[in-house]
Amino acid sequence: MKSILITNLVADMKLQGFYLCIEKKVQKKRDGSPYLNLLLQDKSGLIRARIWDKVQTFSKKFESGDPVAVKGSTYQFGESLMIRVENISKANEEKYKKFGFKSSDLIPVSKKNPNELWKILAKEVNGISKSHFKKLTKNILSEHKDKFKIYPASISYHYNYQSGLIEQTVSLLKIAKQIGVHYDIDIDLLATGACLHQIGKLYSINLGSSFAKSNHKALVGNAILSRDIVNKYISEIKNFPEDDKLKLEHLILSYQGRKEWQSPVEPQIIEAVLLHSINLMDSRVNFMKQDEF
């Protein structure tokens, strides 16, 4: 089957296609029976979908974050175009490749050139003055270059498109540089934290057969995963200062800010407060600008 991009859908149209399930909610009809409210995405946009029948059967076939193969029809609901789902199942490239399924078609692409972003990132990293921080950051980024240039920063919220991770990292570095002028802080520590605090996303987001969060993240969390990766590389650098190692570890573990936001610890030094603050601000601004895609 040939997938139809969301941007090409019109009312009263039969469709078969591959989409990313961003959101899956069980809700109730007026008679109290359940239906599924879905938010689907591909590289061209977003659309709401409903599953009215065989709700329990279909609900077992996929989860939020899964790529899905959908058969159904479109209909107009007020000012919104929606999909009435007749059949749905989790999609993977092994099963659906012959029908044209490619996981890269399910998320948008950054408007910015990843190769140009990489040049900017490399220049910013070269500006780190502490040699151990610079070496650590260069080692990790160079060994993850291919993934770092194409991965999203998240699945369904901020920078949730191809090359989103590097785009956000460059943005955070630019903000960190401005903040460093205003506050008396360790700008090298903050810059290194900005570069590396999300490195676990390259392992916790599965870009192979789906865009779902992997079991690795589900079990340990992105912050701890990132900390462990960074510590592995630190162990390979001779005489890495223990105090800087501890502070960098704290930045990575506390960037989410609050324990109720799944942060292992809350920020306790100025650089950690700033990393959390600029990350939260930048993420929210990017999310609000999603309609520009």
C-alpha atoms as a PDB file:
ATOM      1  CA  MET A   1       0.000   0.000   0.000  1.00  0.00           C
ATOM      2  CA  LYS A   2       1.158   3.515  -0.691  1.00  0.00           C
ATOM      3  CA  SER A   3       1.049   5.716   2.388  1.00  0.00           C
ATOM      4  CA  ILE A   4      -0.756   9.034   2.021  1.00  0.00           C
ATOM      5  CA  LEU A   5       0.898  11.984   3.754  1.00  0.00           C
ATOM      6  CA  ILE A   6      -1.265  13.773   6.298  1.00  0.00           C
ATOM      7  CA  THR A   7      -0.881  17.059   4.448  1.00  0.00           C
ATOM      8  CA  ASN A   8      -2.498  15.448   1.375  1.00  0.00           C
ATOM      9  CA  LEU A   9      -5.578  14.132   3.178  1.00  0.00           C
ATOM     10  CA  VAL A  10      -9.009  15.595   2.427  1.00  0.00           C
ATOM     11  CA  ALA A  11     -12.479  14.822   3.773  1.00  0.00           C
ATOM     12  CA  ASP A  12     -14.337  11.643   2.749  1.00  0.00           C
ATOM     13  CA  MET A  13     -11.221   9.877   1.591  1.00  0.00           C
ATOM     14  CA  LYS A  14     -10.330   6.204   1.936  1.00  0.00           C
ATOM     15  CA  LEU A  15      -6.765   5.745   3.120  1.00  0.00           C
ATOM     16  CA  GLN A  16      -4.044   3.289   3.971  1.00  0.00           C
ATOM     17  CA  GLY A  17      -0.882   4.636   5.476  1.00  0.00           C
ATOM     18  CA  PHE A  18       1.911   4.547   8.014  1.00  0.00           C
ATOM     19  CA  TYR A  19       1.955   7.026  10.857  1.00  0.00           C
ATOM     20  CA  LEU A  20       3.539   7.536  14.268  1.00  0.00           C
ATOM     21  CA  CYS A  21       1.122   7.288  17.188  1.00  0.00           C
ATOM     22  CA  ILE A  22       2.028  10.292  19.329  1.00  0.00           C
ATOM     23  CA  GLU A  23      -0.865   9.970  21.750  1.00  0.00           C
ATOM     24  CA  LYS A  24      -3.308   7.217  22.705  1.00  0.00           C
ATOM     25  CA  LYS A  25      -6.167   7.858  25.117  1.00  0.00           C
ATOM     26  CA  VAL A  26      -9.123   5.717  26.136  1.00  0.00           C
ATOM     27  CA  GLN A  27     -12.224   7.897  26.426  1.00  0.00           C
ATOM     28  CA  LYS A  28     -15.947   7.299  26.765  1.00  0.00           C
ATOM     29  CA  LYS A  29     -18.800   7.783  24.338  1.00  0.00           C
ATOM     30  CA  ARG A  30     -22.089   9.261  25.504  1.00  0.00           C
ATOM     31  CA  ASP A  31     -23.385   5.779  26.246  1.00  0.00           C
ATOM     32  CA  GLY A  32     -20.388   5.062  28.452  1.00  0.00           C
ATOM     33  CA  SER A  33     -18.660   2.632  26.096  1.00  0.00           C
ATOM     34  CA  PRO A  34     -14.958   3.241  25.317  1.00  0.00           C
ATOM     35  CA  TYR A  35     -13.300   4.632  22.215  1.00  0.00           C
ATOM     36  CA  LEU A  36      -9.678   5.442  21.404  1.00  0.00           C
ATOM     37  CA  ASN A  37      -8.571   9.014  20.770  1.00  0.00           C
ATOM     38  CA  LEU A  38      -5.293   9.047  18.820  1.00  0.00           C
ATOM     39  CA  LEU A  39      -2.887  11.699  17.640  1.00  0.00           C
ATOM     40  CA  LEU A  40      -0.996  10.543  14.544  1.00  0.00           C
ATOM     41  CA  GLN A  41       2.026  12.101  12.875  1.00  0.00           C
ATOM     42  CA  ASP A  42       4.159  11.788   9.790  1.00  0.00           C
ATOM     43  CA  LYS A  43       6.828  14.062   8.344  1.00  0.00           C
ATOM     44  CA  SER A  44       4.163  16.373   6.920  1.00  0.00           C
ATOM     45  CA  GLY A  45       2.062  17.030  10.005  1.00  0.00           C
ATOM     46  CA  LEU A  46      -0.395  15.836  12.676  1.00  0.00           C
ATOM     47  CA  ILE A  47      -3.975  14.552  12.630  1.00  0.00           C
ATOM     48  CA  ARG A  48      -6.478  13.240  15.181  1.00  0.00           C
ATOM     49  CA  ALA A  49      -7.951   9.779  14.728  1.00  0.00           C
ATOM     50  CA  ARG A  50     -10.708   7.782  16.410  1.00  0.00           C
ATOM     51  CA  ILE A  51     -11.261   4.073  16.903  1.00  0.00           C
ATOM     52  CA  TRP A  52     -14.949   3.540  17.613  1.00  0.00           C
ATOM     53  CA  ASP A  53     -15.265  -0.239  17.288  1.00  0.00           C
ATOM     54  CA  LYS A  54     -13.313  -3.277  18.543  1.00  0.00           C
ATOM     55  CA  VAL A  55     -11.586  -0.946  20.966  1.00  0.00           C
ATOM     56  CA  GLN A  56     -10.154  -3.599  23.286  1.00  0.00           C
ATOM     57  CA  THR A  57      -8.893  -5.713  20.383  1.00  0.00           C
ATOM     58  CA  PHE A  58      -7.150  -2.850  18.592  1.00  0.00           C
ATOM     59  CA  SER A  59      -5.811  -1.294  21.809  1.00  0.00           C
ATOM     60  CA  LYS A  60      -3.690  -4.390  22.429  1.00  0.00           C
ATOM     61  CA  LYS A  61      -1.963  -4.068  19.053  1.00  0.00           C
ATOM     62  CA  PHE A  62      -0.017  -0.849  19.637  1.00  0.00           C
ATOM     63  CA  GLU A  63       1.065   1.733  22.207  1.00  0.00           C
ATOM     64  CA  SER A  64       1.803   5.441  22.203  1.00  0.00           C
ATOM     65  CA  GLY A  65       5.170   5.961  20.503  1.00  0.00           C
ATOM     66  CA  ASP A  66       4.685   3.080  18.070  1.00  0.00           C
ATOM     67  CA  PRO A  67       4.642   3.422  14.277  1.00  0.00           C
ATOM     68  CA  VAL A  68       1.301   2.086  13.041  1.00  0.00           C
ATOM     69  CA  ALA A  69      -0.218   0.827   9.805  1.00  0.00           C
ATOM     70  CA  VAL A  70      -3.670   2.363   9.463  1.00  0.00           C
ATOM     71  CA  LYS A  71      -6.666   1.636   7.257  1.00  0.00           C
ATOM     72  CA  GLY A  72      -9.670   3.910   7.440  1.00  0.00           C
ATOM     73  CA  SER A  73     -11.350   7.016   6.076  1.00  0.00           C
ATOM     74  CA  THR A  74     -11.270  10.734   6.735  1.00  0.00           C
ATOM     75  CA  TYR A  75     -14.163  12.901   7.882  1.00  0.00           C
ATOM     76  CA  GLN A  76     -14.744  16.511   8.780  1.00  0.00           C
ATOM     77  CA  PHE A  77     -15.467  17.314  12.440  1.00  0.00           C
ATOM     78  CA  GLY A  78     -16.113  21.023  12.794  1.00  0.00           C
ATOM     79  CA  GLU A  79     -13.027  22.727  11.427  1.00  0.00           C
ATOM     80  CA  SER A  80     -10.834  19.663  11.952  1.00  0.00           C
ATOM     81  CA  LEU A  81     -10.089  16.808   9.593  1.00  0.00           C
ATOM     82  CA  MET A  82      -9.998  13.431  11.350  1.00  0.00           C
ATOM     83  CA  ILE A  83      -9.471   9.744  10.588  1.00  0.00           C
ATOM     84  CA  ARG A  84     -11.989   7.027  11.380  1.00  0.00           C
ATOM     85  CA  VAL A  85      -9.791   3.955  11.912  1.00  0.00           C
ATOM     86  CA  GLU A  86     -11.102   0.645  10.584  1.00  0.00           C
ATOM     87  CA  ASN A  87      -7.937  -1.379  11.158  1.00  0.00           C
ATOM     88  CA  ILE A  88      -4.642  -0.661  12.879  1.00  0.00           C
ATOM     89  CA  SER A  89      -1.526  -2.561  13.877  1.00  0.00           C
ATOM     90  CA  LYS A  90       2.026  -1.827  14.966  1.00  0.00           C
ATOM     91  CA  ALA A  91       4.312  -1.368  11.964  1.00  0.00           C
ATOM     92  CA  ASN A  92       7.921  -2.405  11.524  1.00  0.00           C
ATOM     93  CA  GLU A  93      10.276  -2.263   8.577  1.00  0.00           C
ATOM     94  CA  GLU A  94      10.789  -6.025   8.435  1.00  0.00           C
ATOM     95  CA  LYS A  95       7.085  -6.652   7.871  1.00  0.00           C
ATOM     96  CA  TYR A  96       6.067  -3.561   5.920  1.00  0.00           C
ATOM     97  CA  LYS A  97       9.172  -2.566   3.954  1.00  0.00           C
ATOM     98  CA  LYS A  98       7.737  -4.152   0.803  1.00  0.00           C
ATOM     99  CA  PHE A  99       4.780  -1.767   1.125  1.00  0.00           C
ATOM    100  CA  GLY A 100       7.042   1.276   1.246  1.00  0.00           C
ATOM    101  CA  PHE A 101       7.284   1.750   5.005  1.00  0.00           C
ATOM    102  CA  LYS A 102      10.282   3.778   6.159  1.00  0.00           C
ATOM    103  CA  SER A 103      10.515   4.925   9.762  1.00  0.00           C
ATOM    104  CA  SER A 104      12.252   8.131   8.650  1.00  0.00           C
ATOM    105  CA  ASP A 105       9.004   9.175   6.918  1.00  0.00           C
ATOM    106  CA  LEU A 106       7.209   9.416  10.247  1.00  0.00           C
ATOM    107  CA  ILE A 107       8.816  12.502  11.727  1.00  0.00           C
ATOM    108  CA  PRO A 108       9.465  15.946  10.206  1.00  0.00           C
ATOM    109  CA  VAL A 109      12.938  17.185   9.332  1.00  0.00           C
ATOM    110  CA  SER A 110      14.617  20.221  10.857  1.00  0.00           C
ATOM    111  CA  LYS A 111      14.618  23.277   8.632  1.00  0.00           C
ATOM    112  CA  LYS A 112      18.284  23.704   9.532  1.00  0.00           C
ATOM    113  CA  ASN A 113      21.077  21.844   7.757  1.00  0.00           C
ATOM    114  CA  PRO A 114      22.576  19.288  10.178  1.00  0.00           C
ATOM    115  CA  ASN A 115      26.015  19.600   8.589  1.00  0.00           C
ATOM    116  CA  GLU A 116      26.005  23.340   9.225  1.00  0.00           C
ATOM    117  CA  LEU A 117      24.757  22.743  12.768  1.00  0.00           C
ATOM    118  CA  TRP A 118      27.626  20.311  13.302  1.00  0.00           C
ATOM    119  CA  LYS A 119      30.140  22.964  12.230  1.00  0.00           C
ATOM    120  CA  ILE A 120      28.652  25.415  14.718  1.00  0.00           C
ATOM    121  CA  LEU A 121      28.677  22.764  17.449  1.00  0.00           C
ATOM    122  CA  ALA A 122      32.316  21.882  16.752  1.00  0.00           C
ATOM    123  CA  LYS A 123      33.294  25.557  16.947  1.00  0.00           C
ATOM    124  CA  GLU A 124      31.493  25.981  20.281  1.00  0.00           C
ATOM    125  CA  VAL A 125      33.160  22.867  21.703  1.00  0.00           C
ATOM    126  CA  ASN A 126      36.574  24.168  20.616  1.00  0.00           C
ATOM    127  CA  GLY A 127      35.802  27.239  22.718  1.00  0.00           C
ATOM    128  CA  ILE A 128      35.735  25.183  25.928  1.00  0.00           C
ATOM    129  CA  SER A 129      38.885  26.235  27.787  1.00  0.00           C
ATOM    130  CA  LYS A 130      39.295  23.389  30.299  1.00  0.00           C
ATOM    131  CA  SER A 131      41.149  20.690  28.395  1.00  0.00           C
ATOM    132  CA  HIS A 132      39.513  17.738  30.180  1.00  0.00           C
ATOM    133  CA  PHE A 133      35.997  19.032  29.442  1.00  0.00           C
ATOM    134  CA  LYS A 134      36.933  19.741  25.827  1.00  0.00           C
ATOM    135  CA  LYS A 135      38.478  16.297  25.348  1.00  0.00           C
ATOM    136  CA  LEU A 136      35.506  14.551  26.951  1.00  0.00           C
ATOM    137  CA  THR A 137      32.973  16.417  24.816  1.00  0.00           C
ATOM    138  CA  LYS A 138      34.920  15.920  21.592  1.00  0.00           C
ATOM    139  CA  ASN A 139      35.389  12.199  22.260  1.00  0.00           C
ATOM    140  CA  ILE A 140      31.716  11.563  22.927  1.00  0.00           C
ATOM    141  CA  LEU A 141      30.345  13.710  20.107  1.00  0.00           C
ATOM    142  CA  SER A 142      32.801  12.434  17.495  1.00  0.00           C
ATOM    143  CA  GLU A 143      31.981   8.804  18.276  1.00  0.00           C
ATOM    144  CA  HIS A 144      28.244   9.538  18.084  1.00  0.00           C
ATOM    145  CA  LYS A 145      28.377  12.002  15.176  1.00  0.00           C
ATOM    146  CA  ASP A 146      26.110  10.175  12.726  1.00  0.00           C
ATOM    147  CA  LYS A 147      23.346   9.609  15.250  1.00  0.00           C
ATOM    148  CA  PHE A 148      23.737  13.019  16.876  1.00  0.00           C
ATOM    149  CA  LYS A 149      23.126  14.742  13.539  1.00  0.00           C
ATOM    150  CA  ILE A 150      19.834  12.973  12.781  1.00  0.00           C
ATOM    151  CA  TYR A 151      18.147  12.103  16.089  1.00  0.00           C
ATOM    152  CA  PRO A 152      15.194  14.064  17.489  1.00  0.00           C
ATOM    153  CA  ALA A 153      15.506  15.504  20.996  1.00  0.00           C
ATOM    154  CA  SER A 154      12.193  13.887  21.991  1.00  0.00           C
ATOM    155  CA  ILE A 155       9.419  11.781  20.543  1.00  0.00           C
ATOM    156  CA  SER A 156       6.355  13.935  21.028  1.00  0.00           C
ATOM    157  CA  TYR A 157       7.236  17.305  22.591  1.00  0.00           C
ATOM    158  CA  HIS A 158      10.234  19.553  21.877  1.00  0.00           C
ATOM    159  CA  TYR A 159      12.488  19.284  18.820  1.00  0.00           C
ATOM    160  CA  ASN A 160      10.596  16.120  17.860  1.00  0.00           C
ATOM    161  CA  TYR A 161      11.935  15.987  14.314  1.00  0.00           C
ATOM    162  CA  GLN A 162      15.003  14.696  12.530  1.00  0.00           C
ATOM    163  CA  SER A 163      18.146  16.597  13.582  1.00  0.00           C
ATOM    164  CA  GLY A 164      16.225  18.036  16.524  1.00  0.00           C
ATOM    165  CA  LEU A 165      18.851  16.951  19.059  1.00  0.00           C
ATOM    166  CA  ILE A 166      21.743  18.780  17.448  1.00  0.00           C
ATOM    167  CA  GLU A 167      19.547  21.809  16.743  1.00  0.00           C
ATOM    168  CA  GLN A 168      18.588  22.058  20.412  1.00  0.00           C
ATOM    169  CA  THR A 169      22.158  21.466  21.598  1.00  0.00           C
ATOM    170  CA  VAL A 170      23.432  24.359  19.469  1.00  0.00           C
ATOM    171  CA  SER A 171      20.609  26.545  20.788  1.00  0.00           C
ATOM    172  CA  LEU A 172      21.449  25.689  24.406  1.00  0.00           C
ATOM    173  CA  LEU A 173      25.131  26.421  23.840  1.00  0.00           C
ATOM    174  CA  LYS A 174      24.346  29.849  22.431  1.00  0.00           C
ATOM    175  CA  ILE A 175      22.103  30.649  25.393  1.00  0.00           C
ATOM    176  CA  ALA A 176      24.737  29.329  27.824  1.00  0.00           C
ATOM    177  CA  LYS A 177      27.344  31.639  26.307  1.00  0.00           C
ATOM    178  CA  GLN A 178      25.076  34.666  26.841  1.00  0.00           C
ATOM    179  CA  ILE A 179      24.319  33.621  30.405  1.00  0.00           C
ATOM    180  CA  GLY A 180      28.021  33.124  31.086  1.00  0.00           C
ATOM    181  CA  VAL A 181      28.613  36.808  30.352  1.00  0.00           C
ATOM    182  CA  HIS A 182      25.948  37.837  32.862  1.00  0.00           C
ATOM    183  CA  TYR A 183      26.709  35.466  35.728  1.00  0.00           C
ATOM    184  CA  ASP A 184      29.963  34.532  37.436  1.00  0.00           C
ATOM    185  CA  ILE A 185      29.820  30.800  36.636  1.00  0.00           C
ATOM    186  CA  ASP A 186      31.922  27.933  35.294  1.00  0.00           C
ATOM    187  CA  ILE A 187      30.931  28.373  31.652  1.00  0.00           C
ATOM    188  CA  ASP A 188      32.984  25.326  30.626  1.00  0.00           C
ATOM    189  CA  LEU A 189      30.984  23.139  32.996  1.00  0.00           C
ATOM    190  CA  LEU A 190      27.687  24.563  31.737  1.00  0.00           C
ATOM    191  CA  ALA A 191      28.691  24.186  28.069  1.00  0.00           C
ATOM    192  CA  THR A 192      29.803  20.585  28.606  1.00  0.00           C
ATOM    193  CA  GLY A 193      26.552  19.811  30.403  1.00  0.00           C
ATOM    194  CA  ALA A 194      24.564  21.391  27.568  1.00  0.00           C
ATOM    195  CA  CYS A 195      26.343  19.165  25.044  1.00  0.00           C
ATOM    196  CA  LEU A 196      26.150  15.880  26.924  1.00  0.00           C
ATOM    197  CA  HIS A 197      23.089  15.831  29.199  1.00  0.00           C
ATOM    198  CA  GLN A 198      20.908  14.258  26.494  1.00  0.00           C
ATOM    199  CA  ILE A 199      23.448  11.827  25.034  1.00  0.00           C
ATOM    200  CA  GLY A 200      21.378   8.945  26.398  1.00  0.00           C
ATOM    201  CA  LYS A 201      18.647   9.814  23.884  1.00  0.00           C
ATOM    202  CA  LEU A 202      20.820   8.151  21.228  1.00  0.00           C
ATOM    203  CA  TYR A 203      20.258   4.882  23.071  1.00  0.00           C
ATOM    204  CA  SER A 204      16.827   5.386  24.632  1.00  0.00           C
ATOM    205  CA  ILE A 205      15.039   6.373  21.412  1.00  0.00           C
ATOM    206  CA  ASN A 206      14.804   3.504  18.949  1.00  0.00           C
ATOM    207  CA  LEU A 207      15.150   4.807  15.398  1.00  0.00           C
ATOM    208  CA  GLY A 208      15.490   1.371  13.862  1.00  0.00           C
ATOM    209  CA  SER A 209      12.069  -0.196  13.442  1.00  0.00           C
ATOM    210  CA  SER A 210      10.164   2.434  15.411  1.00  0.00           C
ATOM    211  CA  PHE A 211      10.447   5.710  17.258  1.00  0.00           C
ATOM    212  CA  ALA A 212       9.348   4.246  20.552  1.00  0.00           C
ATOM    213  CA  LYS A 213      11.251   4.703  23.769  1.00  0.00           C
ATOM    214  CA  SER A 214      13.408   1.651  24.312  1.00  0.00           C
ATOM    215  CA  ASN A 215      13.307  -0.582  27.384  1.00  0.00           C
ATOM    216  CA  HIS A 216      16.641   0.903  28.411  1.00  0.00           C
ATOM    217  CA  LYS A 217      15.122   4.297  29.111  1.00  0.00           C
ATOM    218  CA  ALA A 218      12.009   2.792  30.642  1.00  0.00           C
ATOM    219  CA  LEU A 219      14.148   0.914  33.157  1.00  0.00           C
ATOM    220  CA  VAL A 220      16.773   3.503  34.133  1.00  0.00           C
ATOM    221  CA  GLY A 221      15.636   6.883  32.776  1.00  0.00           C
ATOM    222  CA  ASN A 222      17.395   9.158  30.284  1.00  0.00           C
ATOM    223  CA  ALA A 223      19.311  11.201  32.873  1.00  0.00           C
ATOM    224  CA  ILE A 224      20.895   8.143  34.500  1.00  0.00           C
ATOM    225  CA  LEU A 225      21.617   6.601  31.111  1.00  0.00           C
ATOM    226  CA  SER A 226      23.349   9.821  29.988  1.00  0.00           C
ATOM    227  CA  ARG A 227      25.323   9.979  33.250  1.00  0.00           C
ATOM    228  CA  ASP A 228      26.540   6.404  32.819  1.00  0.00           C
ATOM    229  CA  ILE A 229      27.660   7.019  29.232  1.00  0.00           C
ATOM    230  CA  VAL A 230      29.548  10.181  30.217  1.00  0.00           C
ATOM    231  CA  ASN A 231      31.203   8.462  33.187  1.00  0.00           C
ATOM    232  CA  LYS A 232      32.413   5.671  30.912  1.00  0.00           C
ATOM    233  CA  TYR A 233      34.239   8.205  28.749  1.00  0.00           C
ATOM    234  CA  ILE A 234      35.543  10.087  31.780  1.00  0.00           C
ATOM    235  CA  SER A 235      37.150   6.864  33.018  1.00  0.00           C
ATOM    236  CA  GLU A 236      39.228   6.822  29.824  1.00  0.00           C
ATOM    237  CA  ILE A 237      40.693  10.296  30.430  1.00  0.00           C
ATOM    238  CA  LYS A 238      43.703  10.404  32.741  1.00  0.00           C
ATOM    239  CA  ASN A 239      43.599  12.766  35.715  1.00  0.00           C
ATOM    240  CA  PHE A 240      40.067  14.004  35.098  1.00  0.00           C
ATOM    241  CA  PRO A 241      39.408  16.249  38.142  1.00  0.00           C
ATOM    242  CA  GLU A 242      37.101  14.488  40.594  1.00  0.00           C
ATOM    243  CA  ASP A 243      35.329  17.733  41.538  1.00  0.00           C
ATOM    244  CA  ASP A 244      34.484  18.523  37.906  1.00  0.00           C
ATOM    245  CA  LYS A 245      33.338  14.928  37.383  1.00  0.00           C
ATOM    246  CA  LEU A 246      30.963  15.228  40.339  1.00  0.00           C
ATOM    247  CA  LYS A 247      29.593  18.597  39.197  1.00  0.00           C
ATOM    248  CA  LEU A 248      29.048  17.394  35.612  1.00  0.00           C
ATOM    249  CA  GLU A 249      27.318  14.281  36.908  1.00  0.00           C
ATOM    250  CA  HIS A 250      25.044  16.510  38.982  1.00  0.00           C
ATOM    251  CA  LEU A 251      24.168  18.669  35.955  1.00  0.00           C
ATOM    252  CA  ILE A 252      23.180  15.607  33.959  1.00  0.00           C
ATOM    253  CA  LEU A 253      21.127  14.051  36.751  1.00  0.00           C
ATOM    254  CA  SER A 254      19.297  17.273  37.636  1.00  0.00           C
ATOM    255  CA  TYR A 255      18.554  18.844  34.225  1.00  0.00           C
ATOM    256  CA  GLN A 256      14.872  17.844  34.407  1.00  0.00           C
ATOM    257  CA  GLY A 257      14.613  20.026  37.499  1.00  0.00           C
ATOM    258  CA  ARG A 258      12.046  18.399  39.737  1.00  0.00           C
ATOM    259  CA  LYS A 259      11.596  14.907  41.110  1.00  0.00           C
ATOM    260  CA  GLU A 260       7.943  14.954  40.013  1.00  0.00           C
ATOM    261  CA  TRP A 261       9.295  15.476  36.482  1.00  0.00           C
ATOM    262  CA  GLN A 262      11.341  12.267  36.833  1.00  0.00           C
ATOM    263  CA  SER A 263      14.538  14.076  37.784  1.00  0.00           C
ATOM    264  CA  PRO A 264      16.756  11.821  39.950  1.00  0.00           C
ATOM    265  CA  VAL A 265      17.937  14.889  41.889  1.00  0.00           C
ATOM    266  CA  GLU A 266      17.078  18.584  41.893  1.00  0.00           C
ATOM    267  CA  PRO A 267      19.624  21.286  40.936  1.00  0.00           C
ATOM    268  CA  GLN A 268      21.883  22.284  43.831  1.00  0.00           C
ATOM    269  CA  ILE A 269      24.581  24.372  42.149  1.00  0.00           C
ATOM    270  CA  ILE A 270      24.203  27.462  39.980  1.00  0.00           C
ATOM    271  CA  GLU A 271      25.290  25.771  36.735  1.00  0.00           C
ATOM    272  CA  ALA A 272      22.716  23.017  37.290  1.00  0.00           C
ATOM    273  CA  VAL A 273      19.961  25.563  37.910  1.00  0.00           C
ATOM    274  CA  LEU A 274      20.924  27.351  34.707  1.00  0.00           C
ATOM    275  CA  LEU A 275      21.062  24.160  32.611  1.00  0.00           C
ATOM    276  CA  HIS A 276      17.610  23.154  33.801  1.00  0.00           C
ATOM    277  CA  SER A 277      16.238  26.670  33.246  1.00  0.00           C
ATOM    278  CA  ILE A 278      17.570  27.176  29.721  1.00  0.00           C
ATOM    279  CA  ASN A 279      16.574  23.632  28.742  1.00  0.00           C
ATOM    280  CA  LEU A 280      13.013  24.163  29.988  1.00  0.00           C
ATOM    281  CA  MET A 281      12.723  27.583  28.351  1.00  0.00           C
ATOM    282  CA  ASP A 282      14.178  26.456  25.039  1.00  0.00           C
ATOM    283  CA  SER A 283      12.007  23.318  24.925  1.00  0.00           C
ATOM    284  CA  ARG A 284       8.802  25.257  25.577  1.00  0.00           C
ATOM    285  CA  VAL A 285       9.607  27.904  22.985  1.00  0.00           C
ATOM    286  CA  ASN A 286      10.320  25.222  20.396  1.00  0.00           C
ATOM    287  CA  PHE A 287       7.076  23.417  21.237  1.00  0.00           C
ATOM    288  CA  MET A 288       5.080  26.629  20.806  1.00  0.00           C
ATOM    289  CA  LYS A 289       6.678  27.171  17.383  1.00  0.00           C
ATOM    290  CA  GLN A 290       5.733  23.678  16.117  1.00  0.00           C
ATOM    291  CA  ASP A 291       2.939  25.109  13.982  1.00  0.00           C
ATOM    292  CA  GLU A 292       5.593  26.705  11.771  1.00  0.00           C
ATOM    293  CA  PHE A 293       6.338  23.253  10.318  1.00  0.00           C
END
